[in-house]
């Protein structure tokens, strides 16, 4: 099997990261790969915002509110625990990157094409980092859709859509991958 196939097939979503720092040089390798994703009409609709600790701290009050709301809806009465877990997901990750895609309100097709290209770019970043031994988790929690997030990150929600936060770091552990039989999703048509 080729190295590319091995990287694609071995990649896992990482939920627990070690304290090992990720170098800026390694991030730059990943961003170069991200920028080489296919994009129709060469729109390059993606943006990557690496969130420093100060920026992350600005998100925490709203993160806790959203965690409390979610816990309440689920009937979970330990809202404090939910809040602490939500804070940890923002604060205790080595690198956090907000990923956006350009909006085209007057061209639904262009916006859909650009979203697809941005996801390809994000996945190139993920696979490039995995090749360097660096794991990640793409998170699309409610904080990524909240107006306060756009405000704190100084992202114009009329021009860009946050498609998720990418949490990045060296894996503390690599989980087993759950897969489905490929026969369930492939179809050869005559």
Protein backbone atom coordinates (compact mmCIF):
# COMPACT_ATOMS: atom_id res chain seq x y z
CA UNK A 1 0.00 0.00 0.00
CA UNK A 2 1.28 3.49 -0.80
CA UNK A 3 2.12 6.09 1.83
CA UNK A 4 -0.86 8.23 0.74
CA UNK A 5 -3.25 5.30 1.12
CA UNK A 6 -1.81 4.55 4.56
CA UNK A 7 -2.30 8.15 5.71
CA UNK A 8 -5.89 8.26 4.44
CA UNK A 9 -6.81 4.88 5.91
CA UNK A 10 -5.04 5.29 9.25
CA UNK A 11 -6.35 8.79 10.10
CA UNK A 12 -8.50 8.97 13.23
CA UNK A 13 -10.38 11.73 15.00
CA UNK A 14 -8.45 12.60 18.15
CA UNK A 15 -10.31 13.59 21.31
CA UNK A 16 -7.44 13.69 23.80
CA UNK A 17 -4.22 15.53 23.11
CA UNK A 18 -0.83 15.39 24.81
CA UNK A 19 0.92 18.51 26.10
CA UNK A 20 3.53 18.36 23.32
CA UNK A 21 3.52 21.68 21.44
CA UNK A 22 2.77 21.77 17.72
CA UNK A 23 5.35 23.83 15.86
CA UNK A 24 4.38 26.72 13.63
CA UNK A 25 6.53 25.13 10.90
CA UNK A 26 4.37 21.98 11.00
CA UNK A 27 1.20 24.08 10.88
CA UNK A 28 2.58 25.89 7.83
CA UNK A 29 3.16 22.55 6.09
CA UNK A 30 -0.49 21.74 6.77
CA UNK A 31 -1.70 25.12 5.53
CA UNK A 32 0.26 24.67 2.30
CA UNK A 33 -1.51 21.34 1.75
CA UNK A 34 -4.85 22.98 2.60
CA UNK A 35 -4.25 25.66 0.01
CA UNK A 36 -3.70 23.01 -2.67
CA UNK A 37 -7.23 21.65 -2.37
CA UNK A 38 -9.34 21.58 -5.50
CA UNK A 39 -11.63 24.58 -5.89
CA UNK A 40 -13.91 25.26 -8.82
CA UNK A 41 -13.14 28.56 -10.59
CA UNK A 42 -10.11 29.07 -8.31
CA UNK A 43 -12.15 30.99 -5.73
CA UNK A 44 -10.00 29.83 -2.77
CA UNK A 45 -12.97 30.40 -0.44
CA UNK A 46 -11.34 29.16 2.77
CA UNK A 47 -9.87 31.07 5.68
CA UNK A 48 -8.09 29.62 8.71
CA UNK A 49 -8.03 31.60 11.97
CA UNK A 50 -5.58 30.20 14.55
CA UNK A 51 -7.09 31.16 17.91
CA UNK A 52 -4.68 32.31 20.60
CA UNK A 53 -5.43 31.93 24.30
CA UNK A 54 -6.75 35.48 24.63
CA UNK A 55 -9.26 34.94 21.83
CA UNK A 56 -10.35 31.59 23.25
CA UNK A 57 -10.96 33.16 26.66
CA UNK A 58 -13.43 35.57 25.03
CA UNK A 59 -15.53 32.60 23.90
CA UNK A 60 -15.84 30.95 27.31
CA UNK A 61 -18.83 32.80 28.80
CA UNK A 62 -20.99 31.93 25.80
CA UNK A 63 -19.60 28.39 25.64
CA UNK A 64 -20.75 27.83 29.23
CA UNK A 65 -24.21 29.31 28.50
CA UNK A 66 -24.64 27.03 25.50
CA UNK A 67 -23.47 24.00 27.51
CA UNK A 68 -25.99 24.81 30.25
CA UNK A 69 -28.79 25.14 27.67
CA UNK A 70 -27.84 21.82 26.11
CA UNK A 71 -27.67 20.08 29.49
CA UNK A 72 -31.07 21.47 30.43
CA UNK A 73 -32.64 20.22 27.19
CA UNK A 74 -31.18 16.75 27.81
CA UNK A 75 -32.50 16.73 31.38
CA UNK A 76 -28.94 16.71 32.74
CA UNK A 77 -29.03 18.55 36.03
CA UNK A 78 -25.27 18.82 36.54
CA UNK A 79 -24.92 22.02 34.54
CA UNK A 80 -21.67 22.89 36.32
CA UNK A 81 -20.03 19.73 35.00
CA UNK A 82 -21.34 20.47 31.51
CA UNK A 83 -19.88 23.98 31.75
CA UNK A 84 -16.47 22.70 32.90
CA UNK A 85 -16.35 20.17 30.05
CA UNK A 86 -17.26 22.87 27.52
CA UNK A 87 -14.52 25.16 28.84
CA UNK A 88 -12.00 22.31 28.61
CA UNK A 89 -12.91 21.74 24.95
CA UNK A 90 -11.87 25.32 24.19
CA UNK A 91 -9.09 25.99 26.67
CA UNK A 92 -7.25 22.66 26.92
CA UNK A 93 -6.58 22.03 23.25
CA UNK A 94 -3.04 22.73 21.99
CA UNK A 95 -4.14 24.49 18.78
CA UNK A 96 -7.62 25.64 17.80
CA UNK A 97 -8.41 26.85 14.30
CA UNK A 98 -11.69 28.39 13.13
CA UNK A 99 -12.31 27.40 9.51
CA UNK A 100 -14.54 29.55 7.33
CA UNK A 101 -15.96 29.41 3.85
CA UNK A 102 -16.81 32.43 1.73
CA UNK A 103 -20.51 33.21 1.37
CA UNK A 104 -22.20 34.12 -1.92
CA UNK A 105 -25.76 35.09 -0.91
CA UNK A 106 -26.75 35.88 -4.49
CA UNK A 107 -25.33 32.67 -5.93
CA UNK A 108 -26.47 29.53 -4.08
CA UNK A 109 -24.59 27.24 -6.46
CA UNK A 110 -21.29 29.14 -5.97
CA UNK A 111 -21.75 29.04 -2.20
CA UNK A 112 -22.31 25.27 -2.31
CA UNK A 113 -19.25 24.77 -4.53
CA UNK A 114 -17.17 26.95 -2.21
CA UNK A 115 -18.35 25.03 0.87
CA UNK A 116 -17.31 21.75 -0.79
CA UNK A 117 -13.92 23.22 -1.68
CA UNK A 118 -13.44 24.46 1.90
CA UNK A 119 -14.16 20.99 3.26
CA UNK A 120 -11.58 19.57 0.82
CA UNK A 121 -9.09 22.17 2.05
CA UNK A 122 -9.83 21.33 5.68
CA UNK A 123 -9.34 17.64 4.98
CA UNK A 124 -6.04 18.29 3.18
CA UNK A 125 -4.91 20.10 6.35
CA UNK A 126 -6.05 17.19 8.54
CA UNK A 127 -4.29 14.58 6.38
CA UNK A 128 -1.11 16.64 6.10
CA UNK A 129 -0.94 17.04 9.87
CA UNK A 130 -1.68 13.33 10.37
CA UNK A 131 1.32 12.55 8.15
CA UNK A 132 3.42 14.55 10.65
CA UNK A 133 2.01 12.57 13.60
CA UNK A 134 -0.36 15.38 14.57
CA UNK A 135 -4.02 14.59 15.21
CA UNK A 136 -7.15 16.67 14.97
CA UNK A 137 -10.86 16.87 15.60
CA UNK A 138 -13.30 18.84 13.45
CA UNK A 139 -15.93 20.26 15.78
CA UNK A 140 -19.18 21.84 14.60
CA UNK A 141 -20.75 22.58 17.99
CA UNK A 142 -23.25 25.37 18.57
CA UNK A 143 -20.49 27.84 19.47
CA UNK A 144 -19.37 27.75 15.83
CA UNK A 145 -22.79 29.06 14.76
CA UNK A 146 -23.25 31.65 17.49
CA UNK A 147 -23.15 35.36 16.53
CA UNK A 148 -20.92 36.16 19.51
CA UNK A 149 -18.24 33.87 18.05
CA UNK A 150 -18.19 35.88 14.84
CA UNK A 151 -17.94 39.06 16.90
CA UNK A 152 -15.07 37.79 19.08
CA UNK A 153 -13.17 36.44 16.08
CA UNK A 154 -13.87 39.58 14.06
CA UNK A 155 -15.37 37.55 11.22
CA UNK A 156 -18.06 39.20 9.11
CA UNK A 157 -20.96 36.73 9.13
CA UNK A 158 -22.32 38.35 5.97
CA UNK A 159 -19.16 37.34 4.09
CA UNK A 160 -17.93 34.11 5.76
CA UNK A 161 -19.49 31.09 7.43
CA UNK A 162 -17.66 29.25 10.19
CA UNK A 163 -17.83 25.60 9.17
CA UNK A 164 -16.16 24.41 12.36
CA UNK A 165 -13.27 24.54 14.77
CA UNK A 166 -10.33 22.27 14.09
CA UNK A 167 -8.68 21.13 17.32
CA UNK A 168 -5.07 20.13 16.68
CA UNK A 169 -2.36 18.42 18.72
CA UNK A 170 -0.33 15.30 19.23
CA UNK A 171 -2.59 12.39 20.18
CA UNK A 172 -2.56 11.23 23.77
CA UNK A 173 -4.21 8.09 22.43
CA UNK A 174 -5.48 7.03 19.03
CA UNK A 175 -8.91 5.42 19.09
CA UNK A 176 -9.94 2.40 17.07
CA UNK A 177 -11.68 3.35 13.85
CA UNK A 178 -15.25 2.25 13.34
CA UNK A 179 -16.07 1.66 9.70
CA UNK A 180 -18.94 0.32 7.69
CA UNK A 181 -18.75 -2.24 4.97
CA UNK A 182 -18.04 -0.34 1.72
CA UNK A 183 -20.71 -2.43 -0.01
CA UNK A 184 -23.29 -0.37 1.91
CA UNK A 185 -22.43 2.87 0.14
CA UNK A 186 -21.06 1.97 -3.26
CA UNK A 187 -23.21 1.31 -6.27
CA UNK A 188 -22.09 0.32 -9.75
CA UNK A 189 -24.68 1.41 -12.27
CA UNK A 190 -24.97 -0.08 -15.77
